[in-house]
Amino acid sequence: GDQQSKTGLFPRLKAHNCSLLLISHQKDMVDSVGTSNLL
């Protein structure tokens, strides 16, 4: 859910004055550009 949703996890928490924090990984990618790799 989100701030505008009426259903979902966050709207349920919002009704109880409770916040939701998500932790996410940042993924490192490598692209080949010519003869070198771009990270």
All heavy atoms as atom14 arrays in JSON, in Angstrom:
{
  "sequence": "GDQQSKTGLFPRLKAHNCSLLLISHQKDMVDSVGTSNLL",
  "atom14_mask": [
    [1, 1, 1, 1, 0, 0, 0, 0, 0, 0, 0, 0, 0, 0],
    [1, 1, 1, 1, 1, 1, 1, 1, 0, 0, 0, 0, 0, 0],
    [1, 1, 1, 1, 1, 1, 1, 1, 1, 0, 0, 0, 0, 0],
    [1, 1, 1, 1, 1, 1, 1, 1, 1, 0, 0, 0, 0, 0],
    [1, 1, 1, 1, 1, 1, 0, 0, 0, 0, 0, 0, 0, 0],
    [1, 1, 1, 1, 1, 1, 1, 1, 1, 0, 0, 0, 0, 0],
    [1, 1, 1, 1, 1, 1, 1, 0, 0, 0, 0, 0, 0, 0],
    [1, 1, 1, 1, 0, 0, 0, 0, 0, 0, 0, 0, 0, 0],
    [1, 1, 1, 1, 1, 1, 1, 1, 0, 0, 0, 0, 0, 0],
    [1, 1, 1, 1, 1, 1, 1, 1, 1, 1, 1, 0, 0, 0],
    [1, 1, 1, 1, 1, 1, 1, 0, 0, 0, 0, 0, 0, 0],
    [1, 1, 1, 1, 1, 1, 1, 1, 1, 1, 1, 0, 0, 0],
    [1, 1, 1, 1, 1, 1, 1, 1, 0, 0, 0, 0, 0, 0],
    [1, 1, 1, 1, 1, 1, 1, 1, 1, 0, 0, 0, 0, 0],
    [1, 1, 1, 1, 1, 0, 0, 0, 0, 0, 0, 0, 0, 0],
    [1, 1, 1, 1, 1, 1, 1, 1, 1, 1, 0, 0, 0, 0],
    [1, 1, 1, 1, 1, 1, 1, 1, 0, 0, 0, 0, 0, 0],
    [1, 1, 1, 1, 1, 1, 0, 0, 0, 0, 0, 0, 0, 0],
    [1, 1, 1, 1, 1, 1, 0, 0, 0, 0, 0, 0, 0, 0],
    [1, 1, 1, 1, 1, 1, 1, 1, 0, 0, 0, 0, 0, 0],
    [1, 1, 1, 1, 1, 1, 1, 1, 0, 0, 0, 0, 0, 0],
    [1, 1, 1, 1, 1, 1, 1, 1, 0, 0, 0, 0, 0, 0],
    [1, 1, 1, 1, 1, 1, 1, 1, 0, 0, 0, 0, 0, 0],
    [1, 1, 1, 1, 1, 1, 0, 0, 0, 0, 0, 0, 0, 0],
    [1, 1, 1, 1, 1, 1, 1, 1, 1, 1, 0, 0, 0, 0],
    [1, 1, 1, 1, 1, 1, 1, 1, 1, 0, 0, 0, 0, 0],
    [1, 1, 1, 1, 1, 1, 1, 1, 1, 0, 0, 0, 0, 0],
    [1, 1, 1, 1, 1, 1, 1, 1, 0, 0, 0, 0, 0, 0],
    [1, 1, 1, 1, 1, 1, 1, 1, 0, 0, 0, 0, 0, 0],
    [1, 1, 1, 1, 1, 1, 1, 0, 0, 0, 0, 0, 0, 0],
    [1, 1, 1, 1, 1, 1, 1, 1, 0, 0, 0, 0, 0, 0],
    [1, 1, 1, 1, 1, 1, 0, 0, 0, 0, 0, 0, 0, 0],
    [1, 1, 1, 1, 1, 1, 1, 0, 0, 0, 0, 0, 0, 0],
    [1, 1, 1, 1, 0, 0, 0, 0, 0, 0, 0, 0, 0, 0],
    [1, 1, 1, 1, 1, 1, 1, 0, 0, 0, 0, 0, 0, 0],
    [1, 1, 1, 1, 1, 1, 0, 0, 0, 0, 0, 0, 0, 0],
    [1, 1, 1, 1, 1, 1, 1, 1, 0, 0, 0, 0, 0, 0],
    [1, 1, 1, 1, 1, 1, 1, 1, 0, 0, 0, 0, 0, 0],
    [1, 1, 1, 1, 1, 1, 1, 1, 0, 0, 0, 0, 0, 0]
  ],
  "atom14_positions": [
    [[0.83, -1.2, 0.0], [0.0, 0.0, 0.0], [0.87, 1.25, 0.0], [2.09, 1.19, -0.09], [0.0, 0.0, 0.0], [0.0, 0.0, 0.0], [0.0, 0.0, 0.0], [0.0, 0.0, 0.0], [0.0, 0.0, 0.0], [0.0, 0.0, 0.0], [0.0, 0.0, 0.0], [0.0, 0.0, 0.0], [0.0, 0.0, 0.0], [0.0, 0.0, 0.0]],
    [[0.23, 2.42, 0.11], [0.97, 3.68, 0.18], [0.11, 4.73, 0.87], [-0.93, 4.41, 1.45], [1.42, 4.15, -1.21], [0.27, 4.31, -2.19], [-0.85, 4.65, -1.73], [0.46, 4.12, -3.4], [0.0, 0.0, 0.0], [0.0, 0.0, 0.0], [0.0, 0.0, 0.0], [0.0, 0.0, 0.0], [0.0, 0.0, 0.0], [0.0, 0.0, 0.0]],
    [[0.54, 5.99, 0.8], [-0.17, 7.07, 1.5], [-1.6, 7.25, 1.0], [-2.47, 7.69, 1.75], [0.6, 8.4, 1.33], [1.94, 8.44, 2.06], [1.78, 8.73, 3.54], [0.67, 8.85, 4.05], [2.89, 8.87, 4.24], [0.0, 0.0, 0.0], [0.0, 0.0, 0.0], [0.0, 0.0, 0.0], [0.0, 0.0, 0.0], [0.0, 0.0, 0.0]],
    [[-1.83, 6.96, -0.27], [-3.15, 7.18, -0.85], [-4.04, 5.93, -0.81], [-5.25, 6.01, -1.03], [-3.03, 7.65, -2.31], [-2.59, 9.1, -2.48], [-1.11, 9.31, -2.21], [-0.29, 8.5, -2.64], [-0.76, 10.37, -1.52], [0.0, 0.0, 0.0], [0.0, 0.0, 0.0], [0.0, 0.0, 0.0], [0.0, 0.0, 0.0], [0.0, 0.0, 0.0]],
    [[-3.45, 4.77, -0.55], [-4.21, 3.52, -0.58], [-5.15, 3.39, 0.61], [-4.91, 3.95, 1.68], [-3.25, 2.32, -0.59], [-2.39, 2.37, -1.7], [0.0, 0.0, 0.0], [0.0, 0.0, 0.0], [0.0, 0.0, 0.0], [0.0, 0.0, 0.0], [0.0, 0.0, 0.0], [0.0, 0.0, 0.0], [0.0, 0.0, 0.0], [0.0, 0.0, 0.0]],
    [[-6.2, 2.63, 0.41], [-7.12, 2.29, 1.5], [-6.89, 0.86, 1.98], [-7.41, 0.45, 3.02], [-8.56, 2.48, 1.05], [-8.93, 3.93, 0.78], [-10.4, 4.08, 0.43], [-10.77, 5.55, 0.21], [-12.2, 5.72, -0.14], [0.0, 0.0, 0.0], [0.0, 0.0, 0.0], [0.0, 0.0, 0.0], [0.0, 0.0, 0.0], [0.0, 0.0, 0.0]],
    [[-6.15, 0.07, 1.19], [-5.83, -1.29, 1.56], [-4.32, -1.5, 1.5], [-3.61, -0.74, 0.85], [-6.52, -2.3, 0.62], [-6.09, -2.05, -0.74], [-8.03, -2.17, 0.69], [0.0, 0.0, 0.0], [0.0, 0.0, 0.0], [0.0, 0.0, 0.0], [0.0, 0.0, 0.0], [0.0, 0.0, 0.0], [0.0, 0.0, 0.0], [0.0, 0.0, 0.0]],
    [[-3.85, -2.53, 2.15], [-2.42, -2.81, 2.17], [-1.85, -2.63, 3.56], [-2.53, -2.23, 4.51], [0.0, 0.0, 0.0], [0.0, 0.0, 0.0], [0.0, 0.0, 0.0], [0.0, 0.0, 0.0], [0.0, 0.0, 0.0], [0.0, 0.0, 0.0], [0.0, 0.0, 0.0], [0.0, 0.0, 0.0], [0.0, 0.0, 0.0], [0.0, 0.0, 0.0]],
    [[-0.57, -2.95, 3.68], [0.1, -2.94, 4.99], [0.16, -1.54, 5.6], [-0.19, -1.35, 6.76], [1.52, -3.49, 4.81], [2.19, -4.11, 6.04], [1.35, -5.25, 6.59], [3.58, -4.59, 5.66], [0.0, 0.0, 0.0], [0.0, 0.0, 0.0], [0.0, 0.0, 0.0], [0.0, 0.0, 0.0], [0.0, 0.0, 0.0], [0.0, 0.0, 0.0]],
    [[0.6, -0.55, 4.84], [0.77, 0.79, 5.41], [-0.55, 1.42, 5.85], [-0.61, 2.01, 6.94], [1.51, 1.71, 4.44], [1.67, 3.09, 4.99], [2.43, 3.31, 6.13], [1.07, 4.18, 4.39], [2.59, 4.59, 6.66], [1.21, 5.45, 4.91], [1.97, 5.66, 6.05], [0.0, 0.0, 0.0], [0.0, 0.0, 0.0], [0.0, 0.0, 0.0]],
    [[-1.63, 1.35, 5.05], [-2.89, 1.92, 5.54], [-3.34, 1.3, 6.86], [-3.9, 2.01, 7.72], [-3.87, 1.6, 4.41], [-3.02, 1.55, 3.19], [-1.74, 0.92, 3.64], [0.0, 0.0, 0.0], [0.0, 0.0, 0.0], [0.0, 0.0, 0.0], [0.0, 0.0, 0.0], [0.0, 0.0, 0.0], [0.0, 0.0, 0.0], [0.0, 0.0, 0.0]],
    [[-3.1, 0.01, 7.05], [-3.44, -0.63, 8.32], [-2.62, -0.05, 9.46], [-3.13, 0.22, 10.56], [-3.2, -2.14, 8.23], [-4.27, -2.91, 7.48], [-3.86, -4.36, 7.29], [-3.39, -4.94, 8.52], [-2.61, -6.02, 8.59], [-2.19, -6.61, 7.47], [-2.24, -6.52, 9.75], [0.0, 0.0, 0.0], [0.0, 0.0, 0.0], [0.0, 0.0, 0.0]],
    [[-1.32, 0.16, 9.2], [-0.45, 0.72, 10.23], [-0.8, 2.18, 10.5], [-0.78, 2.64, 11.66], [1.01, 0.62, 9.78], [1.59, -0.79, 9.7], [2.98, -0.76, 9.1], [1.62, -1.45, 11.07], [0.0, 0.0, 0.0], [0.0, 0.0, 0.0], [0.0, 0.0, 0.0], [0.0, 0.0, 0.0], [0.0, 0.0, 0.0], [0.0, 0.0, 0.0]],
    [[-1.11, 2.91, 9.45], [-1.44, 4.33, 9.57], [-2.65, 4.53, 10.48], [-2.72, 5.51, 11.23], [-1.71, 4.9, 8.18], [-1.85, 6.41, 8.12], [-2.04, 6.85, 6.68], [-2.23, 8.35, 6.58], [-2.45, 8.78, 5.17], [0.0, 0.0, 0.0], [0.0, 0.0, 0.0], [0.0, 0.0, 0.0], [0.0, 0.0, 0.0], [0.0, 0.0, 0.0]],
    [[-3.59, 3.61, 10.42], [-4.78, 3.71, 11.26], [-4.44, 3.59, 12.75], [-5.2, 4.04, 13.6], [-5.79, 2.61, 10.87], [0.0, 0.0, 0.0], [0.0, 0.0, 0.0], [0.0, 0.0, 0.0], [0.0, 0.0, 0.0], [0.0, 0.0, 0.0], [0.0, 0.0, 0.0], [0.0, 0.0, 0.0], [0.0, 0.0, 0.0], [0.0, 0.0, 0.0]],
    [[-3.28, 3.0, 13.04], [-2.81, 2.88, 14.43], [-1.68, 3.86, 14.74], [-0.95, 3.65, 15.71], [-2.34, 1.43, 14.68], [-3.44, 0.42, 14.59], [-4.3, 0.16, 15.63], [-3.81, -0.41, 13.57], [-5.16, -0.78, 15.27], [-4.89, -1.13, 14.02], [0.0, 0.0, 0.0], [0.0, 0.0, 0.0], [0.0, 0.0, 0.0], [0.0, 0.0, 0.0]],
    [[-1.54, 4.9, 13.9], [-0.49, 5.91, 14.08], [0.9, 5.27, 14.1], [1.76, 5.63, 14.9], [-0.72, 6.71, 15.36], [-0.01, 8.06, 15.34], [0.09, 8.68, 14.29], [0.49, 8.49, 16.48], [0.0, 0.0, 0.0], [0.0, 0.0, 0.0], [0.0, 0.0, 0.0], [0.0, 0.0, 0.0], [0.0, 0.0, 0.0], [0.0, 0.0, 0.0]],
    [[1.08, 4.31, 13.21], [2.33, 3.55, 13.15], [2.98, 3.73, 11.78], [2.29, 3.75, 10.76], [2.03, 2.07, 13.41], [3.49, 1.07, 13.65], [0.0, 0.0, 0.0], [0.0, 0.0, 0.0], [0.0, 0.0, 0.0], [0.0, 0.0, 0.0], [0.0, 0.0, 0.0], [0.0, 0.0, 0.0], [0.0, 0.0, 0.0], [0.0, 0.0, 0.0]],
    [[4.3, 3.88, 11.74], [5.03, 4.11, 10.51], [5.61, 2.81, 9.95], [5.79, 1.83, 10.68], [6.15, 5.12, 10.74], [5.64, 6.35, 11.18], [0.0, 0.0, 0.0], [0.0, 0.0, 0.0], [0.0, 0.0, 0.0], [0.0, 0.0, 0.0], [0.0, 0.0, 0.0], [0.0, 0.0, 0.0], [0.0, 0.0, 0.0], [0.0, 0.0, 0.0]],
    [[5.95, 2.84, 8.66], [6.53, 1.69, 7.98], [7.83, 2.11, 7.32], [7.86, 3.05, 6.51], [5.57, 1.13, 6.93], [6.08, -0.04, 6.07], [6.38, -1.26, 6.94], [5.06, -0.39, 4.99], [0.0, 0.0, 0.0], [0.0, 0.0, 0.0], [0.0, 0.0, 0.0], [0.0, 0.0, 0.0], [0.0, 0.0, 0.0], [0.0, 0.0, 0.0]],
    [[8.92, 1.43, 7.66], [10.23, 1.71, 7.07], [10.74, 0.46, 6.36], [10.79, -0.62, 6.95], [11.22, 2.14, 8.14], [12.63, 2.47, 7.67], [12.62, 3.67, 6.72], [13.55, 2.75, 8.85], [0.0, 0.0, 0.0], [0.0, 0.0, 0.0], [0.0, 0.0, 0.0], [0.0, 0.0, 0.0], [0.0, 0.0, 0.0], [0.0, 0.0, 0.0]],
    [[11.1, 0.62, 5.08], [11.61, -0.49, 4.28], [13.11, -0.34, 4.09], [13.59, 0.75, 3.78], [10.92, -0.51, 2.91], [9.39, -0.5, 2.93], [8.85, -0.26, 1.53], [8.85, -1.8, 3.5], [0.0, 0.0, 0.0], [0.0, 0.0, 0.0], [0.0, 0.0, 0.0], [0.0, 0.0, 0.0], [0.0, 0.0, 0.0], [0.0, 0.0, 0.0]],
    [[13.85, -1.43, 4.29], [15.29, -1.44, 4.02], [15.51, -2.18, 2.71], [14.96, -3.25, 2.49], [16.07, -2.12, 5.16], [15.92, -1.31, 6.45], [17.53, -2.28, 4.8], [16.61, -1.94, 7.64], [0.0, 0.0, 0.0], [0.0, 0.0, 0.0], [0.0, 0.0, 0.0], [0.0, 0.0, 0.0], [0.0, 0.0, 0.0], [0.0, 0.0, 0.0]],
    [[16.32, -1.58, 1.82], [16.53, -2.19, 0.51], [18.01, -2.16, 0.15], [18.73, -1.23, 0.51], [15.72, -1.45, -0.56], [15.89, -2.06, -1.83], [0.0, 0.0, 0.0], [0.0, 0.0, 0.0], [0.0, 0.0, 0.0], [0.0, 0.0, 0.0], [0.0, 0.0, 0.0], [0.0, 0.0, 0.0], [0.0, 0.0, 0.0], [0.0, 0.0, 0.0]],
    [[18.45, -3.2, -0.57], [19.83, -3.26, -1.04], [19.98, -2.44, -2.31], [19.07, -2.36, -3.13], [20.25, -4.7, -1.33], [20.18, -5.59, -0.14], [20.78, -5.28, 1.05], [19.55, -6.78, 0.06], [20.55, -6.24, 1.92], [19.8, -7.16, 1.35], [0.0, 0.0, 0.0], [0.0, 0.0, 0.0], [0.0, 0.0, 0.0], [0.0, 0.0, 0.0]],
    [[21.13, -1.84, -2.45], [21.5, -1.16, -3.69], [22.4, -2.1, -4.47], [23.43, -2.55, -3.96], [22.25, 0.14, -3.36], [22.68, 0.94, -4.57], [23.24, 2.29, -4.15], [22.52, 3.13, -3.64], [24.53, 2.48, -4.34], [0.0, 0.0, 0.0], [0.0, 0.0, 0.0], [0.0, 0.0, 0.0], [0.0, 0.0, 0.0], [0.0, 0.0, 0.0]],
    [[22.0, -2.44, -5.67], [22.71, -3.46, -6.44], [23.73, -2.83, -7.38], [23.41, -1.93, -8.15], [21.7, -4.29, -7.25], [22.3, -5.48, -7.97], [21.22, -6.29, -8.67], [21.8, -7.49, -9.37], [20.76, -8.27, -10.1], [0.0, 0.0, 0.0], [0.0, 0.0, 0.0], [0.0, 0.0, 0.0], [0.0, 0.0, 0.0], [0.0, 0.0, 0.0]],
    [[24.95, -3.31, -7.3], [26.01, -2.83, -8.2], [25.95, -3.61, -9.51], [25.86, -4.83, -9.53], [27.39, -3.02, -7.56], [27.6, -2.08, -6.38], [26.99, -1.01, -6.39], [28.36, -2.44, -5.47], [0.0, 0.0, 0.0], [0.0, 0.0, 0.0], [0.0, 0.0, 0.0], [0.0, 0.0, 0.0], [0.0, 0.0, 0.0], [0.0, 0.0, 0.0]],
    [[25.98, -2.89, -10.63], [25.89, -3.48, -11.96], [27.14, -3.12, -12.76], [27.77, -2.1, -12.52], [24.64, -2.97, -12.7], [23.35, -3.1, -11.9], [22.77, -4.79, -11.72], [22.24, -5.11, -13.4], [0.0, 0.0, 0.0], [0.0, 0.0, 0.0], [0.0, 0.0, 0.0], [0.0, 0.0, 0.0], [0.0, 0.0, 0.0], [0.0, 0.0, 0.0]],
    [[27.47, -3.98, -13.71], [28.62, -3.71, -14.56], [28.17, -3.75, -16.02], [27.55, -4.7, -16.47], [29.74, -4.75, -14.33], [30.91, -4.49, -15.3], [30.23, -4.71, -12.89], [0.0, 0.0, 0.0], [0.0, 0.0, 0.0], [0.0, 0.0, 0.0], [0.0, 0.0, 0.0], [0.0, 0.0, 0.0], [0.0, 0.0, 0.0], [0.0, 0.0, 0.0]],
    [[28.46, -2.67, -16.74], [28.17, -2.6, -18.17], [29.48, -2.52, -18.94], [30.41, -1.82, -18.52], [27.32, -1.36, -18.5], [25.84, -1.66, -18.45], [25.5, -2.83, -18.2], [25.04, -0.73, -18.63], [0.0, 0.0, 0.0], [0.0, 0.0, 0.0], [0.0, 0.0, 0.0], [0.0, 0.0, 0.0], [0.0, 0.0, 0.0], [0.0, 0.0, 0.0]],
    [[29.55, -3.23, -20.05], [30.75, -3.15, -20.9], [30.61, -1.96, -21.84], [29.64, -1.87, -22.59], [30.92, -4.43, -21.71], [31.2, -5.52, -20.84], [0.0, 0.0, 0.0], [0.0, 0.0, 0.0], [0.0, 0.0, 0.0], [0.0, 0.0, 0.0], [0.0, 0.0, 0.0], [0.0, 0.0, 0.0], [0.0, 0.0, 0.0], [0.0, 0.0, 0.0]],
    [[31.55, -1.04, -21.77], [31.56, 0.13, -22.64], [32.88, 0.13, -23.4], [33.93, 0.46, -22.83], [31.4, 1.44, -21.83], [31.38, 2.64, -22.77], [30.14, 1.39, -20.98], [0.0, 0.0, 0.0], [0.0, 0.0, 0.0], [0.0, 0.0, 0.0], [0.0, 0.0, 0.0], [0.0, 0.0, 0.0], [0.0, 0.0, 0.0], [0.0, 0.0, 0.0]],
    [[32.83, -0.26, -24.66], [34.07, -0.38, -25.43], [34.95, -1.47, -24.86], [34.54, -2.63, -24.73], [0.0, 0.0, 0.0], [0.0, 0.0, 0.0], [0.0, 0.0, 0.0], [0.0, 0.0, 0.0], [0.0, 0.0, 0.0], [0.0, 0.0, 0.0], [0.0, 0.0, 0.0], [0.0, 0.0, 0.0], [0.0, 0.0, 0.0], [0.0, 0.0, 0.0]],
    [[36.16, -1.12, -24.44], [37.08, -2.1, -23.87], [37.13, -2.03, -22.35], [37.92, -2.74, -21.72], [38.5, -1.86, -24.43], [38.89, -0.52, -24.11], [38.55, -2.07, -25.93], [0.0, 0.0, 0.0], [0.0, 0.0, 0.0], [0.0, 0.0, 0.0], [0.0, 0.0, 0.0], [0.0, 0.0, 0.0], [0.0, 0.0, 0.0], [0.0, 0.0, 0.0]],
    [[36.3, -1.17, -21.77], [36.33, -1.02, -20.31], [34.97, -1.36, -19.71], [33.95, -1.4, -20.42], [36.73, 0.4, -19.92], [35.79, 1.33, -20.43], [0.0, 0.0, 0.0], [0.0, 0.0, 0.0], [0.0, 0.0, 0.0], [0.0, 0.0, 0.0], [0.0, 0.0, 0.0], [0.0, 0.0, 0.0], [0.0, 0.0, 0.0], [0.0, 0.0, 0.0]],
    [[34.95, -1.62, -18.42], [33.72, -1.91, -17.7], [33.31, -0.7, -16.88], [34.14, -0.08, -16.2], [33.89, -3.12, -16.78], [34.05, -4.41, -17.56], [33.49, -4.54, -18.65], [34.8, -5.35, -17.01], [0.0, 0.0, 0.0], [0.0, 0.0, 0.0], [0.0, 0.0, 0.0], [0.0, 0.0, 0.0], [0.0, 0.0, 0.0], [0.0, 0.0, 0.0]],
    [[32.03, -0.36, -16.95], [31.49, 0.78, -16.2], [30.67, 0.24, -15.03], [29.72, -0.51, -15.21], [30.6, 1.63, -17.11], [29.88, 2.81, -16.45], [30.89, 3.84, -15.97], [28.9, 3.45, -17.43], [0.0, 0.0, 0.0], [0.0, 0.0, 0.0], [0.0, 0.0, 0.0], [0.0, 0.0, 0.0], [0.0, 0.0, 0.0], [0.0, 0.0, 0.0]],
    [[31.09, 0.62, -13.83], [30.39, 0.18, -12.62], [29.37, 1.24, -12.21], [29.7, 2.42, -12.1], [31.39, -0.04, -11.48], [30.8, -0.47, -10.12], [30.19, -1.86, -10.22], [31.89, -0.43, -9.04], [0.0, 0.0, 0.0], [0.0, 0.0, 0.0], [0.0, 0.0, 0.0], [0.0, 0.0, 0.0], [0.0, 0.0, 0.0], [0.0, 0.0, 0.0]]
  ]
}
